[in-house]
Full PDB file with SEQRES, HELIX, SHEET, SSBOND, CRYST1, ORIGX, SCALE, CONECT and MASTER records, all heavy atoms in Angstrom:
SEQRES   1 A   33  GLY LEU LYS LEU ASN ALA SER ALA VAL ILE PHE ALA HIS          
SEQRES   2 A   33  ASN HIS PRO SER GLY SER VAL GLU PRO SER ARG ALA ASP          
SEQRES   3 A   33  GLU MET LEU THR ASN GLN LEU                                  
HELIX    1 AA1 ARG A   24  GLN A   32  1                                   9    
CRYST1    1.000    1.000    1.000  90.00  90.00  90.00 P 1           1          
ORIGX1      1.000000  0.000000  0.000000        0.00000                         
ORIGX2      0.000000  1.000000  0.000000        0.00000                         
ORIGX3      0.000000  0.000000  1.000000        0.00000                         
SCALE1      1.000000  0.000000  0.000000        0.00000                         
SCALE2      0.000000  1.000000  0.000000        0.00000                         
SCALE3      0.000000  0.000000  1.000000        0.00000                         
ATOM      1  N   GLY A   1     -98.157 -41.401 -41.175  1.00  0.00           N  
ATOM      2  CA  GLY A   1     -97.133 -40.519 -40.611  1.00  0.00           C  
ATOM      3  C   GLY A   1     -95.742 -41.111 -40.696  1.00  0.00           C  
ATOM      4  O   GLY A   1     -94.774 -40.418 -41.021  1.00  0.00           O  
ATOM      5  N   LEU A   2     -95.632 -42.404 -40.409  1.00  0.00           N  
ATOM      6  CA  LEU A   2     -94.331 -43.067 -40.498  1.00  0.00           C  
ATOM      7  C   LEU A   2     -93.852 -43.167 -41.943  1.00  0.00           C  
ATOM      8  O   LEU A   2     -92.668 -42.956 -42.227  1.00  0.00           O  
ATOM      9  CB  LEU A   2     -94.414 -44.462 -39.868  1.00  0.00           C  
ATOM     10  CG  LEU A   2     -94.549 -44.492 -38.348  1.00  0.00           C  
ATOM     11  CD1 LEU A   2     -94.832 -45.910 -37.862  1.00  0.00           C  
ATOM     12  CD2 LEU A   2     -93.312 -43.917 -37.683  1.00  0.00           C  
ATOM     13  N   LYS A   3     -94.776 -43.492 -42.845  1.00  0.00           N  
ATOM     14  CA  LYS A   3     -94.415 -43.620 -44.258  1.00  0.00           C  
ATOM     15  C   LYS A   3     -93.886 -42.291 -44.815  1.00  0.00           C  
ATOM     16  O   LYS A   3     -92.941 -42.277 -45.606  1.00  0.00           O  
ATOM     17  CB  LYS A   3     -95.643 -44.073 -45.056  1.00  0.00           C  
ATOM     18  CG  LYS A   3     -95.380 -44.352 -46.516  1.00  0.00           C  
ATOM     19  CD  LYS A   3     -96.592 -44.987 -47.143  1.00  0.00           C  
ATOM     20  CE  LYS A   3     -97.194 -44.032 -48.120  1.00  0.00           C  
ATOM     21  NZ  LYS A   3     -98.358 -44.555 -48.816  1.00  0.00           N  
ATOM     22  N   LEU A   4     -94.455 -41.180 -44.364  1.00  0.00           N  
ATOM     23  CA  LEU A   4     -94.038 -39.858 -44.846  1.00  0.00           C  
ATOM     24  C   LEU A   4     -92.865 -39.286 -44.057  1.00  0.00           C  
ATOM     25  O   LEU A   4     -92.376 -38.210 -44.367  1.00  0.00           O  
ATOM     26  CB  LEU A   4     -95.222 -38.881 -44.779  1.00  0.00           C  
ATOM     27  CG  LEU A   4     -96.386 -39.188 -45.713  1.00  0.00           C  
ATOM     28  CD1 LEU A   4     -97.565 -38.278 -45.417  1.00  0.00           C  
ATOM     29  CD2 LEU A   4     -95.949 -39.075 -47.169  1.00  0.00           C  
ATOM     30  N   ASN A   5     -92.439 -40.007 -43.016  1.00  0.00           N  
ATOM     31  CA  ASN A   5     -91.354 -39.551 -42.147  1.00  0.00           C  
ATOM     32  C   ASN A   5     -91.668 -38.175 -41.552  1.00  0.00           C  
ATOM     33  O   ASN A   5     -90.816 -37.290 -41.485  1.00  0.00           O  
ATOM     34  CB  ASN A   5     -90.017 -39.534 -42.888  1.00  0.00           C  
ATOM     35  CG  ASN A   5     -88.847 -39.503 -41.941  1.00  0.00           C  
ATOM     36  OD1 ASN A   5     -88.925 -40.012 -40.825  1.00  0.00           O  
ATOM     37  ND2 ASN A   5     -87.755 -38.876 -42.360  1.00  0.00           N  
ATOM     38  N   ALA A   6     -92.908 -38.000 -41.124  1.00  0.00           N  
ATOM     39  CA  ALA A   6     -93.377 -36.715 -40.589  1.00  0.00           C  
ATOM     40  C   ALA A   6     -92.894 -36.522 -39.154  1.00  0.00           C  
ATOM     41  O   ALA A   6     -92.717 -37.476 -38.401  1.00  0.00           O  
ATOM     42  CB  ALA A   6     -94.892 -36.668 -40.629  1.00  0.00           C  
ATOM     43  N   SER A   7     -92.706 -35.262 -38.796  1.00  0.00           N  
ATOM     44  CA  SER A   7     -92.365 -34.888 -37.424  1.00  0.00           C  
ATOM     45  C   SER A   7     -93.569 -34.331 -36.679  1.00  0.00           C  
ATOM     46  O   SER A   7     -93.590 -34.330 -35.449  1.00  0.00           O  
ATOM     47  CB  SER A   7     -91.259 -33.831 -37.410  1.00  0.00           C  
ATOM     48  OG  SER A   7     -90.063 -34.386 -37.908  1.00  0.00           O  
ATOM     49  N   ALA A   8     -94.526 -33.822 -37.425  1.00  0.00           N  
ATOM     50  CA  ALA A   8     -95.715 -33.229 -36.810  1.00  0.00           C  
ATOM     51  C   ALA A   8     -96.891 -33.363 -37.763  1.00  0.00           C  
ATOM     52  O   ALA A   8     -96.724 -33.648 -38.956  1.00  0.00           O  
ATOM     53  CB  ALA A   8     -95.463 -31.759 -36.488  1.00  0.00           C  
ATOM     54  N   VAL A   9     -98.083 -33.139 -37.211  1.00  0.00           N  
ATOM     55  CA  VAL A   9     -99.302 -33.229 -38.010  1.00  0.00           C  
ATOM     56  C   VAL A   9    -100.331 -32.236 -37.478  1.00  0.00           C  
ATOM     57  O   VAL A   9    -100.351 -31.927 -36.287  1.00  0.00           O  
ATOM     58  CB  VAL A   9     -99.877 -34.669 -38.014  1.00  0.00           C  
ATOM     59  CG1 VAL A   9    -100.327 -35.089 -36.621  1.00  0.00           C  
ATOM     60  CG2 VAL A   9    -100.991 -34.837 -39.027  1.00  0.00           C  
ATOM     61  N   ILE A  10    -101.131 -31.738 -38.385  1.00  0.00           N  
ATOM     62  CA  ILE A  10    -102.292 -30.926 -38.044  1.00  0.00           C  
ATOM     63  C   ILE A  10    -103.497 -31.658 -38.619  1.00  0.00           C  
ATOM     64  O   ILE A  10    -103.512 -31.982 -39.806  1.00  0.00           O  
ATOM     65  CB  ILE A  10    -102.203 -29.510 -38.650  1.00  0.00           C  
ATOM     66  CG1 ILE A  10    -100.992 -28.774 -38.089  1.00  0.00           C  
ATOM     67  CG2 ILE A  10    -103.494 -28.732 -38.400  1.00  0.00           C  
ATOM     68  CD1 ILE A  10    -100.674 -27.468 -38.807  1.00  0.00           C  
ATOM     69  N   PHE A  11    -104.474 -31.914 -37.764  1.00  0.00           N  
ATOM     70  CA  PHE A  11    -105.685 -32.588 -38.225  1.00  0.00           C  
ATOM     71  C   PHE A  11    -106.765 -31.563 -38.494  1.00  0.00           C  
ATOM     72  O   PHE A  11    -106.781 -30.474 -37.918  1.00  0.00           O  
ATOM     73  CB  PHE A  11    -106.197 -33.579 -37.174  1.00  0.00           C  
ATOM     74  CG  PHE A  11    -105.279 -34.730 -36.937  1.00  0.00           C  
ATOM     75  CD1 PHE A  11    -104.755 -34.970 -35.686  1.00  0.00           C  
ATOM     76  CD2 PHE A  11    -104.934 -35.577 -37.975  1.00  0.00           C  
ATOM     77  CE1 PHE A  11    -103.909 -36.039 -35.454  1.00  0.00           C  
ATOM     78  CE2 PHE A  11    -104.078 -36.643 -37.765  1.00  0.00           C  
ATOM     79  CZ  PHE A  11    -103.566 -36.877 -36.506  1.00  0.00           C  
ATOM     80  N   ALA A  12    -107.695 -31.935 -39.342  1.00  0.00           N  
ATOM     81  CA  ALA A  12    -108.857 -31.097 -39.605  1.00  0.00           C  
ATOM     82  C   ALA A  12    -109.981 -31.967 -40.121  1.00  0.00           C  
ATOM     83  O   ALA A  12    -109.739 -32.999 -40.755  1.00  0.00           O  
ATOM     84  CB  ALA A  12    -108.526 -30.016 -40.633  1.00  0.00           C  
ATOM     85  N   HIS A  13    -111.171 -31.551 -39.815  1.00  0.00           N  
ATOM     86  CA  HIS A  13    -112.329 -32.151 -40.450  1.00  0.00           C  
ATOM     87  C   HIS A  13    -113.405 -31.091 -40.578  1.00  0.00           C  
ATOM     88  O   HIS A  13    -113.363 -30.069 -39.915  1.00  0.00           O  
ATOM     89  CB  HIS A  13    -112.815 -33.404 -39.713  1.00  0.00           C  
ATOM     90  CG  HIS A  13    -113.511 -33.158 -38.416  1.00  0.00           C  
ATOM     91  ND1 HIS A  13    -112.850 -32.869 -37.240  1.00  0.00           N  
ATOM     92  CD2 HIS A  13    -114.827 -33.149 -38.122  1.00  0.00           C  
ATOM     93  CE1 HIS A  13    -113.724 -32.713 -36.272  1.00  0.00           C  
ATOM     94  NE2 HIS A  13    -114.940 -32.862 -36.776  1.00  0.00           N  
ATOM     95  N   ASN A  14    -114.315 -31.326 -41.475  1.00  0.00           N  
ATOM     96  CA  ASN A  14    -115.372 -30.364 -41.706  1.00  0.00           C  
ATOM     97  C   ASN A  14    -116.673 -30.836 -41.059  1.00  0.00           C  
ATOM     98  O   ASN A  14    -116.846 -32.026 -40.784  1.00  0.00           O  
ATOM     99  CB  ASN A  14    -115.571 -30.124 -43.207  1.00  0.00           C  
ATOM    100  CG  ASN A  14    -116.006 -31.376 -43.926  1.00  0.00           C  
ATOM    101  OD1 ASN A  14    -115.545 -32.473 -43.638  1.00  0.00           O  
ATOM    102  ND2 ASN A  14    -116.895 -31.218 -44.888  1.00  0.00           N  
ATOM    103  N   HIS A  15    -117.529 -29.879 -40.795  1.00  0.00           N  
ATOM    104  CA  HIS A  15    -118.885 -30.158 -40.325  1.00  0.00           C  
ATOM    105  C   HIS A  15    -119.848 -29.580 -41.361  1.00  0.00           C  
ATOM    106  O   HIS A  15    -120.111 -28.379 -41.364  1.00  0.00           O  
ATOM    107  CB  HIS A  15    -119.139 -29.504 -38.964  1.00  0.00           C  
ATOM    108  CG  HIS A  15    -118.565 -30.235 -37.810  1.00  0.00           C  
ATOM    109  ND1 HIS A  15    -118.637 -29.750 -36.520  1.00  0.00           N  
ATOM    110  CD2 HIS A  15    -117.929 -31.423 -37.714  1.00  0.00           C  
ATOM    111  CE1 HIS A  15    -118.063 -30.604 -35.691  1.00  0.00           C  
ATOM    112  NE2 HIS A  15    -117.617 -31.621 -36.393  1.00  0.00           N  
ATOM    113  N   PRO A  16    -120.345 -30.429 -42.254  1.00  0.00           N  
ATOM    114  CA  PRO A  16    -121.290 -29.936 -43.264  1.00  0.00           C  
ATOM    115  C   PRO A  16    -122.538 -29.293 -42.656  1.00  0.00           C  
ATOM    116  O   PRO A  16    -123.183 -28.474 -43.301  1.00  0.00           O  
ATOM    117  CB  PRO A  16    -121.656 -31.192 -44.062  1.00  0.00           C  
ATOM    118  CG  PRO A  16    -120.492 -32.106 -43.862  1.00  0.00           C  
ATOM    119  CD  PRO A  16    -120.015 -31.843 -42.468  1.00  0.00           C  
ATOM    120  N   SER A  17    -122.843 -29.636 -41.413  1.00  0.00           N  
ATOM    121  CA  SER A  17    -124.015 -29.062 -40.738  1.00  0.00           C  
ATOM    122  C   SER A  17    -123.867 -27.571 -40.492  1.00  0.00           C  
ATOM    123  O   SER A  17    -124.854 -26.874 -40.264  1.00  0.00           O  
ATOM    124  CB  SER A  17    -124.234 -29.765 -39.399  1.00  0.00           C  
ATOM    125  OG  SER A  17    -123.159 -29.471 -38.513  1.00  0.00           O  
ATOM    126  N   GLY A  18    -122.618 -27.068 -40.489  1.00  0.00           N  
ATOM    127  CA  GLY A  18    -122.380 -25.656 -40.256  1.00  0.00           C  
ATOM    128  C   GLY A  18    -121.994 -25.316 -38.833  1.00  0.00           C  
ATOM    129  O   GLY A  18    -121.612 -24.193 -38.545  1.00  0.00           O  
ATOM    130  N   SER A  19    -122.059 -26.273 -37.924  1.00  0.00           N  
ATOM    131  CA  SER A  19    -121.677 -26.030 -36.530  1.00  0.00           C  
ATOM    132  C   SER A  19    -120.178 -26.211 -36.370  1.00  0.00           C  
ATOM    133  O   SER A  19    -119.631 -27.265 -36.693  1.00  0.00           O  
ATOM    134  CB  SER A  19    -122.409 -26.994 -35.597  1.00  0.00           C  
ATOM    135  OG  SER A  19    -121.889 -26.892 -34.282  1.00  0.00           O  
ATOM    136  N   VAL A  20    -119.512 -25.208 -35.831  1.00  0.00           N  
ATOM    137  CA  VAL A  20    -118.065 -25.263 -35.657  1.00  0.00           C  
ATOM    138  C   VAL A  20    -117.691 -25.856 -34.291  1.00  0.00           C  
ATOM    139  O   VAL A  20    -116.519 -26.078 -34.010  1.00  0.00           O  
ATOM    140  CB  VAL A  20    -117.462 -23.863 -35.857  1.00  0.00           C  
ATOM    141  CG1 VAL A  20    -117.700 -22.956 -34.678  1.00  0.00           C  
ATOM    142  CG2 VAL A  20    -115.996 -23.944 -36.185  1.00  0.00           C  
ATOM    143  N   GLU A  21    -118.665 -26.146 -33.445  1.00  0.00           N  
ATOM    144  CA  GLU A  21    -118.391 -26.666 -32.112  1.00  0.00           C  
ATOM    145  C   GLU A  21    -117.946 -28.126 -32.159  1.00  0.00           C  
ATOM    146  O   GLU A  21    -118.576 -28.945 -32.828  1.00  0.00           O  
ATOM    147  CB  GLU A  21    -119.616 -26.533 -31.214  1.00  0.00           C  
ATOM    148  CG  GLU A  21    -119.974 -25.103 -30.897  1.00  0.00           C  
ATOM    149  CD  GLU A  21    -118.834 -24.341 -30.233  1.00  0.00           C  
ATOM    150  OE1 GLU A  21    -118.223 -24.886 -29.287  1.00  0.00           O  
ATOM    151  OE2 GLU A  21    -118.551 -23.215 -30.663  1.00  0.00           O  
ATOM    152  N   PRO A  22    -116.876 -28.462 -31.431  1.00  0.00           N  
ATOM    153  CA  PRO A  22    -116.424 -29.859 -31.403  1.00  0.00           C  
ATOM    154  C   PRO A  22    -117.355 -30.715 -30.543  1.00  0.00           C  
ATOM    155  O   PRO A  22    -117.842 -30.259 -29.508  1.00  0.00           O  
ATOM    156  CB  PRO A  22    -115.036 -29.766 -30.771  1.00  0.00           C  
ATOM    157  CG  PRO A  22    -115.069 -28.528 -29.949  1.00  0.00           C  
ATOM    158  CD  PRO A  22    -116.005 -27.588 -30.648  1.00  0.00           C  
ATOM    159  N   SER A  23    -117.586 -31.918 -30.994  1.00  0.00           N  
ATOM    160  CA  SER A  23    -118.368 -32.864 -30.200  1.00  0.00           C  
ATOM    161  C   SER A  23    -117.440 -33.550 -29.205  1.00  0.00           C  
ATOM    162  O   SER A  23    -116.213 -33.463 -29.313  1.00  0.00           O  
ATOM    163  CB  SER A  23    -119.022 -33.907 -31.110  1.00  0.00           C  
ATOM    164  OG  SER A  23    -118.020 -34.736 -31.691  1.00  0.00           O  
ATOM    165  N   ARG A  24    -118.019 -34.247 -28.262  1.00  0.00           N  
ATOM    166  CA  ARG A  24    -117.214 -35.020 -27.313  1.00  0.00           C  
ATOM    167  C   ARG A  24    -116.415 -36.086 -28.084  1.00  0.00           C  
ATOM    168  O   ARG A  24    -115.267 -36.350 -27.759  1.00  0.00           O  
ATOM    169  CB  ARG A  24    -118.120 -35.652 -26.257  1.00  0.00           C  
ATOM    170  CG  ARG A  24    -117.394 -36.432 -25.219  1.00  0.00           C  
ATOM    171  CD  ARG A  24    -116.581 -35.502 -24.299  1.00  0.00           C  
ATOM    172  NE  ARG A  24    -115.777 -36.321 -23.416  1.00  0.00           N  
ATOM    173  CZ  ARG A  24    -114.477 -36.170 -23.233  1.00  0.00           C  
ATOM    174  NH1 ARG A  24    -113.833 -35.201 -23.832  1.00  0.00           N  
ATOM    175  NH2 ARG A  24    -113.805 -36.961 -22.436  1.00  0.00           N  
ATOM    176  N   ALA A  25    -117.024 -36.658 -29.118  1.00  0.00           N  
ATOM    177  CA  ALA A  25    -116.324 -37.656 -29.943  1.00  0.00           C  
ATOM    178  C   ALA A  25    -115.116 -37.036 -30.646  1.00  0.00           C  
ATOM    179  O   ALA A  25    -114.068 -37.683 -30.771  1.00  0.00           O  
ATOM    180  CB  ALA A  25    -117.279 -38.269 -30.956  1.00  0.00           C  
ATOM    181  N   ASP A  26    -115.230 -35.785 -31.093  1.00  0.00           N  
ATOM    182  CA  ASP A  26    -114.102 -35.088 -31.727  1.00  0.00           C  
ATOM    183  C   ASP A  26    -112.949 -34.935 -30.743  1.00  0.00           C  
ATOM    184  O   ASP A  26    -111.785 -35.152 -31.086  1.00  0.00           O  
ATOM    185  CB  ASP A  26    -114.518 -33.694 -32.218  1.00  0.00           C  
ATOM    186  CG  ASP A  26    -115.501 -33.717 -33.367  1.00  0.00           C  
ATOM    187  OD1 ASP A  26    -115.560 -34.725 -34.089  1.00  0.00           O  
ATOM    188  OD2 ASP A  26    -116.206 -32.705 -33.539  1.00  0.00           O  
ATOM    189  N   GLU A  27    -113.259 -34.555 -29.502  1.00  0.00           N  
ATOM    190  CA  GLU A  27    -112.235 -34.371 -28.480  1.00  0.00           C  
ATOM    191  C   GLU A  27    -111.576 -35.710 -28.123  1.00  0.00           C  
ATOM    192  O   GLU A  27    -110.350 -35.786 -27.987  1.00  0.00           O  
ATOM    193  CB  GLU A  27    -112.846 -33.734 -27.233  1.00  0.00           C  
ATOM    194  CG  GLU A  27    -113.278 -32.296 -27.461  1.00  0.00           C  
ATOM    195  CD  GLU A  27    -113.943 -31.690 -26.237  1.00  0.00           C  
ATOM    196  OE1 GLU A  27    -113.692 -32.161 -25.103  1.00  0.00           O  
ATOM    197  OE2 GLU A  27    -114.712 -30.731 -26.415  1.00  0.00           O  
ATOM    198  N   MET A  28    -112.383 -36.756 -27.991  1.00  0.00           N  
ATOM    199  CA  MET A  28    -111.827 -38.076 -27.649  1.00  0.00           C  
ATOM    200  C   MET A  28    -110.935 -38.604 -28.772  1.00  0.00           C  
ATOM    201  O   MET A  28    -109.864 -39.149 -28.505  1.00  0.00           O  
ATOM    202  CB  MET A  28    -112.958 -39.065 -27.345  1.00  0.00           C  
ATOM    203  CG  MET A  28    -113.645 -38.761 -26.028  1.00  0.00           C  
ATOM    204  SD  MET A  28    -115.139 -39.736 -25.659  1.00  0.00           S  
ATOM    205  CE  MET A  28    -114.768 -41.332 -26.292  1.00  0.00           C  
ATOM    206  N   LEU A  29    -111.362 -38.421 -30.013  1.00  0.00           N  
ATOM    207  CA  LEU A  29    -110.555 -38.863 -31.160  1.00  0.00           C  
ATOM    208  C   LEU A  29    -109.219 -38.134 -31.185  1.00  0.00           C  
ATOM    209  O   LEU A  29    -108.167 -38.749 -31.384  1.00  0.00           O  
ATOM    210  CB  LEU A  29    -111.298 -38.624 -32.473  1.00  0.00           C  
ATOM    211  CG  LEU A  29    -110.474 -38.875 -33.735  1.00  0.00           C  
ATOM    212  CD1 LEU A  29    -110.063 -40.343 -33.835  1.00  0.00           C  
ATOM    213  CD2 LEU A  29    -111.237 -38.429 -34.962  1.00  0.00           C  
ATOM    214  N   THR A  30    -109.240 -36.828 -30.965  1.00  0.00           N  
ATOM    215  CA  THR A  30    -108.005 -36.044 -30.967  1.00  0.00           C  
ATOM    216  C   THR A  30    -107.038 -36.559 -29.911  1.00  0.00           C  
ATOM    217  O   THR A  30    -105.839 -36.737 -30.182  1.00  0.00           O  
ATOM    218  CB  THR A  30    -108.309 -34.552 -30.741  1.00  0.00           C  
ATOM    219  OG1 THR A  30    -109.215 -34.127 -31.763  1.00  0.00           O  
ATOM    220  CG2 THR A  30    -107.046 -33.708 -30.800  1.00  0.00           C  
ATOM    221  N   ASN A  31    -107.530 -36.824 -28.719  1.00  0.00           N  
ATOM    222  CA  ASN A  31    -106.672 -37.351 -27.652  1.00  0.00           C  
ATOM    223  C   ASN A  31    -106.140 -38.741 -27.988  1.00  0.00           C  
ATOM    224  O   ASN A  31    -104.974 -39.052 -27.727  1.00  0.00           O  
ATOM    225  CB  ASN A  31    -107.422 -37.362 -26.315  1.00  0.00           C  
ATOM    226  CG  ASN A  31    -107.592 -35.971 -25.759  1.00  0.00           C  
ATOM    227  OD1 ASN A  31    -106.770 -35.095 -25.990  1.00  0.00           O  
ATOM    228  ND2 ASN A  31    -108.674 -35.753 -25.039  1.00  0.00           N  
ATOM    229  N   GLN A  32    -106.974 -39.576 -28.571  1.00  0.00           N  
ATOM    230  CA  GLN A  32    -106.538 -40.918 -28.972  1.00  0.00           C  
ATOM    231  C   GLN A  32    -105.440 -40.844 -30.024  1.00  0.00           C  
ATOM    232  O   GLN A  32    -104.435 -41.558 -29.941  1.00  0.00           O  
ATOM    233  CB  GLN A  32    -107.744 -41.700 -29.504  1.00  0.00           C  
ATOM    234  CG  GLN A  32    -107.462 -43.141 -29.808  1.00  0.00           C  
ATOM    235  CD  GLN A  32    -108.696 -43.866 -30.326  1.00  0.00           C  
ATOM    236  OE1 GLN A  32    -109.630 -43.256 -30.854  1.00  0.00           O  
ATOM    237  NE2 GLN A  32    -108.709 -45.168 -30.179  1.00  0.00           N  
ATOM    238  N   LEU A  33    -105.593 -39.960 -30.999  1.00  0.00           N  
ATOM    239  CA  LEU A  33    -104.578 -39.805 -32.040  1.00  0.00           C  
ATOM    240  C   LEU A  33    -103.288 -39.226 -31.467  1.00  0.00           C  
ATOM    241  O   LEU A  33    -102.195 -39.647 -31.851  1.00  0.00           O  
ATOM    242  CB  LEU A  33    -105.112 -38.925 -33.174  1.00  0.00           C  
ATOM    243  CG  LEU A  33    -106.208 -39.541 -34.035  1.00  0.00           C  
ATOM    244  CD1 LEU A  33    -106.801 -38.501 -34.973  1.00  0.00           C  
ATOM    245  CD2 LEU A  33    -105.707 -40.746 -34.802  1.00  0.00           C  
TER     246      LEU A  33                                                      
MASTER        0    0    0    1    0    0    0    6  245    1    0    3          
END                                                                             
């Protein structure tokens, strides 16, 4: 983010399993980031 001089970011990841529900780990990672 610093290298690109970004002001904002949108994160995304895929779930190959097909479930669109976020895991607790997904929520914790988002808050940490």
